[in-house]
Structures are given as structure tokens and as C-alpha cells.
Protein backbone atom coordinates (compact mmCIF):
# COMPACT_ATOMS: atom_id res chain seq x y z
CA MET A 1 47.21 127.29 95.45
CA VAL A 2 48.18 128.05 99.01
CA ARG A 3 46.87 124.77 100.06
CA ASN A 4 49.41 122.86 97.53
CA GLY A 5 52.34 124.87 98.98
CA GLY A 6 50.89 124.54 102.98
CA ASP A 7 51.55 120.31 101.51
CA GLU A 8 55.09 120.97 99.89
CA GLU A 9 56.24 122.63 103.75
CA GLU A 10 54.27 120.34 105.39
CA SER A 11 56.47 117.30 103.27
CA SER A 12 59.36 119.43 103.35
CA GLN A 13 59.08 119.64 107.35
CA THR A 14 58.42 115.53 107.78
CA GLN A 15 61.18 115.08 105.66
CA ARG A 16 63.81 116.40 108.07
CA ALA A 17 62.38 115.17 110.95
CA SER A 18 63.14 111.71 109.58
CA MET A 19 66.59 112.81 108.67
CA PRO A 20 68.41 112.08 112.15
CA SER A 21 67.14 108.74 112.29
CA SER A 22 68.53 108.05 108.99
CA SER A 23 71.79 109.70 109.47
CA SER A 24 71.96 107.35 113.07
CA ARG A 25 71.43 104.68 111.15
CA TYR A 26 74.41 105.33 108.92
CA ASN A 27 76.50 105.88 111.61
CA ARG A 28 75.41 102.59 113.08
CA ALA A 29 76.48 100.91 109.37
CA ARG A 30 79.37 103.04 110.05
CA THR A 31 80.44 101.69 113.68
CA SER A 32 83.56 98.97 112.67
CA ASP A 33 83.62 95.62 114.04
CA PRO A 34 85.49 95.09 117.58
CA PHE A 35 87.37 91.72 115.49
CA LEU A 36 88.39 93.68 112.66
CA LEU A 37 89.79 96.44 115.31
CA VAL A 38 91.53 94.08 117.49
CA CYS A 39 93.42 92.10 114.12
CA LYS A 40 94.67 95.85 112.91
CA CYS A 41 96.03 96.04 116.84
CA PHE A 42 97.98 93.13 116.15
CA SER A 43 99.20 94.11 112.86
CA PHE A 44 100.18 97.30 114.50
CA LEU A 45 102.35 94.89 116.87
CA ALA A 46 103.66 92.87 114.27
CA SER A 47 104.94 95.89 112.22
CA PHE A 48 106.47 97.48 115.27
CA ALA A 49 107.80 94.04 115.78
CA ALA A 50 109.28 93.58 112.59
CA ILE A 51 110.46 97.58 112.00
CA LEU A 52 112.78 96.96 115.19
CA CYS A 53 114.00 94.25 114.26
CA ILE A 54 114.72 96.40 110.91
CA PHE A 55 116.79 99.50 113.75
CA ILE A 56 118.85 96.29 115.16
CA ASN A 57 119.90 94.35 111.91
CA VAL A 58 120.82 97.80 110.32
CA LEU A 59 123.19 98.64 113.60
CA SER A 60 124.51 94.74 113.74
CA ALA A 61 125.44 95.05 109.96
CA PHE A 62 127.01 98.57 110.39
CA ARG A 63 129.13 97.69 112.99
CA SER A 64 130.14 94.10 111.50
CA PHE A 65 131.37 96.06 108.01
CA LYS A 66 133.12 99.22 110.21
CA ASN A 67 134.90 96.45 112.50
CA GLY A 68 135.53 94.31 109.37
CA SER A 69 135.83 91.31 110.97
CA ASP A 70 132.98 89.92 110.52
CA ILE A 71 131.64 90.32 107.25
CA PHE A 72 129.32 87.43 106.64
CA ASP A 73 127.38 88.69 109.71
CA GLY A 74 126.88 92.29 107.81
CA ILE A 75 125.96 90.42 104.58
CA PHE A 76 123.64 87.88 106.80
CA ARG A 77 122.09 90.93 108.55
CA CYS A 78 121.73 92.84 105.42
CA TYR A 79 119.34 89.85 103.93
CA ALA A 80 117.91 90.09 107.63
CA VAL A 81 117.03 93.87 106.95
CA ALA A 82 115.38 93.27 103.10
CA ILE A 83 112.94 89.71 104.65
CA ALA A 84 112.00 92.05 107.64
CA LEU A 85 110.73 95.02 105.15
CA PHE A 86 108.79 92.42 103.61
CA VAL A 87 107.11 91.45 106.70
CA VAL A 88 106.46 95.03 107.21
CA VAL A 89 104.79 95.45 103.83
CA ALA A 90 102.96 92.34 104.25
CA GLU A 91 101.35 93.80 107.38
CA THR A 92 100.07 96.72 105.17
CA GLU A 93 98.06 94.47 103.31
CA TRP A 94 98.64 96.11 99.88
CA GLY A 95 97.25 94.27 97.29
CA PHE A 96 99.80 94.75 94.93
CA VAL A 97 101.51 92.75 97.23
CA LEU A 98 99.27 89.93 98.28
CA ASN A 99 98.56 89.38 94.23
CA PHE A 100 102.76 88.67 93.83
CA TRP A 101 102.43 86.24 97.03
CA ARG A 102 99.41 85.22 97.70
CA ILE A 103 100.63 82.76 100.11
CA LEU A 104 101.30 86.22 102.48
CA GLU A 105 97.03 86.59 102.25
CA TYR A 106 96.84 83.43 104.57
CA TRP A 107 97.71 83.87 107.95
CA ALA A 108 99.77 80.86 108.53
CA GLY A 109 102.60 81.65 105.54
CA ARG A 110 102.80 85.30 106.92
CA GLY A 111 103.47 83.15 110.44
CA MET A 112 105.82 81.49 109.27
CA LEU A 113 108.32 84.45 107.23
CA GLN A 114 107.82 86.43 110.95
CA ILE A 115 109.08 83.45 112.72
CA PHE A 116 112.10 83.18 110.11
CA VAL A 117 113.01 86.73 110.65
CA ALA A 118 113.19 86.67 114.17
CA VAL A 119 114.89 83.33 114.17
CA MET A 120 117.41 85.31 111.86
CA THR A 121 117.58 88.45 114.43
CA ARG A 122 118.41 86.32 116.88
CA ALA A 123 121.42 84.36 115.14
CA PHE A 124 125.18 84.62 115.77
CA PRO A 125 124.87 86.13 119.23
CA ASP A 126 127.32 88.21 120.85
CA VAL A 127 129.43 85.45 122.26
CA ASN A 128 132.14 87.82 123.02
CA GLY A 129 130.29 90.04 125.33
CA VAL A 130 131.90 92.83 123.03
CA ARG A 131 127.68 94.73 121.90
CA LYS A 132 126.19 94.12 125.15
CA ASP A 133 124.58 97.09 124.26
CA LEU A 134 122.60 95.23 121.53
CA VAL A 135 121.88 91.90 123.02
CA LEU A 136 119.08 93.43 124.91
CA LEU A 137 117.03 95.25 121.93
CA GLN A 138 117.71 92.27 119.75
CA ASP A 139 116.17 90.01 122.58
CA ILE A 140 113.11 92.03 122.63
CA SER A 141 112.65 92.39 118.80
CA SER A 142 113.14 88.73 118.21
CA TYR A 143 110.85 87.35 120.80
CA LEU A 144 108.14 90.26 120.13
CA LEU A 145 108.18 89.25 116.66
CA LEU A 146 108.46 85.28 117.02
CA ALA A 147 105.93 85.92 119.37
CA CYS A 148 103.76 87.34 116.74
CA GLY A 149 104.38 84.90 114.07
CA VAL A 150 103.80 81.90 116.42
CA THR A 151 100.47 83.82 117.35
CA TYR A 152 99.61 83.82 113.19
CA VAL A 153 100.63 80.34 112.70
CA ILE A 154 98.81 78.92 115.87
CA SER A 155 95.32 81.61 114.05
CA GLY A 156 95.79 80.19 111.03
CA VAL A 157 95.21 76.85 111.07
CA LEU A 158 92.20 78.24 113.57
CA CYS A 159 90.75 79.63 110.15
CA ILE A 160 91.18 82.63 112.04
CA GLY A 161 92.59 84.97 109.02
CA PHE A 162 89.80 83.77 106.48
CA LEU A 163 87.12 85.12 109.33
CA LYS A 164 89.01 87.99 109.23
CA ARG A 165 88.91 88.27 105.23
CA ASN A 166 85.04 87.28 105.05
CA ARG A 167 84.21 90.08 107.38
CA GLN A 168 86.43 92.59 106.46
CA SER A 169 84.22 92.16 102.49
CA LYS A 170 81.01 92.32 104.49
CA GLU A 171 82.33 95.30 105.84
CA ILE A 172 83.75 96.70 102.96
CA THR A 173 79.80 95.89 101.09
CA ARG A 174 77.85 97.02 103.87
CA ASN A 175 80.06 100.73 103.87
CA GLN A 176 79.94 100.54 99.83
CA ALA A 177 76.31 100.19 100.64
CA VAL A 178 76.15 103.17 102.89
CA LYS A 179 77.63 105.31 100.35
CA ASP A 180 75.12 104.53 97.46
CA LEU A 181 72.44 105.53 99.92
CA GLU A 182 73.86 108.72 100.88
CA GLU A 183 74.70 109.85 97.10
CA LEU A 184 70.81 108.26 96.34
CA ASN A 185 69.74 110.41 99.46
CA ARG A 186 71.67 113.73 98.53
CA ARG A 187 70.10 113.14 94.25
CA LYS A 188 66.70 112.98 95.92
CA GLU A 189 67.28 116.15 97.58
CA GLU A 190 68.40 118.45 94.91
CA LEU A 191 65.66 116.97 92.67
CA GLU A 192 63.53 117.92 95.00
CA ALA A 193 64.67 121.07 95.91
CA LEU A 194 64.72 122.02 91.70
CA LEU A 195 61.32 120.84 91.59
CA VAL A 196 60.77 123.12 94.55
CA MET A 197 62.25 125.55 92.43
CA GLU A 198 60.45 125.00 89.22
CA ARG A 199 57.32 125.24 90.83
CA ALA A 200 57.76 128.48 92.21
């Protein structure tokens, strides 16, 4: 009986000794893909450029409506704000939006939408020089979003978006497998603890 208890203690110590290697294996599996990390950073940059375009267009629309001299420019800016908001939502890759607008799942379609917003933001420049303070921000935001859109279109033609979706699905599957394995190990430890309590 004593010998049996000693065997149980040795097996439990062996299991504890093997735990660090399994946890390090989990940590290795959970490290994110560098390619997906670069894609997230680029998506953040595109979202930032779209938010900057929203800010510029809201400010321009407010000034147009306030002066009352150029109402058409104000209406145009409101449309630009609405489409730029759609660009920001598309960059979050929210499944609800992508289910209704499948074209935004492809990088070429997303890039064309960003180019369209950049052109709308840059349209109707201040030829009179009345709003010089907005011209610089308008140029920065429009050209930044234009660069992001062109990059998206080129990457979409090169099928980099497909590669990203493929790696993303593999990472989700791998993380789910790691979670399932952790859950199985936790259940195993609970059952072993209950078995030791019953034998005691």
C-alpha cells in the first residue's frame, strides 16, 4: 500500500516536471505570424488615414454650410464622410459587413474604395486661398489614403490578400487546437485529483 502511494507521488512529480515543456510548446504555438502582424499594422495605418479624411471632410462641410456660399461642397463632403466611415469599418474586417459586401474581403476592392475616398477628400481644392489651414491636412490625409489604396490594389493583384486569409484561418485553427489541448489537460488533472481523493 505504501509502495502504491510512492508510485503515485513519483508519477505526479513526473507530470509536474513535464508541464513546463508543454506550456512552452503552447507559447510557441501562440506566437503570432509576423506576416499577419505586418498586415495588422498596415490596416491600422489605412484606418488612421481614413479617420483623418473623415476629420478633414467634417471640418470642410461645417465651414461650407456655415458660410452658405458653397452648399454643394458641403453635401459632397458629407458623402465623403459616409464612405470614409465605411472604409474604417471595412478595415476592422467585421464579419457582419463582409457578409453583405463580399468585394471588401478582397484587397483590390478595398483599395479601390480607399482611392475613391482619397480623391473625394482631395476634390474641390481651395483655389481662393481662404482655407489655407485645411489644405495641408487635406493633402496629407488624401495622399496617405491614396498610397494605402494603391498598395491594397497591387497586393490584391499579387494575391497577397488570399495568402493573408489562408494564414489567418490556419492561425485560428492552431489557436483553437491549443485551447482544446489545454482544456483536455485541465480535465485530466481534475480527474487525476478526484482519483487520488477516492483512493485516499
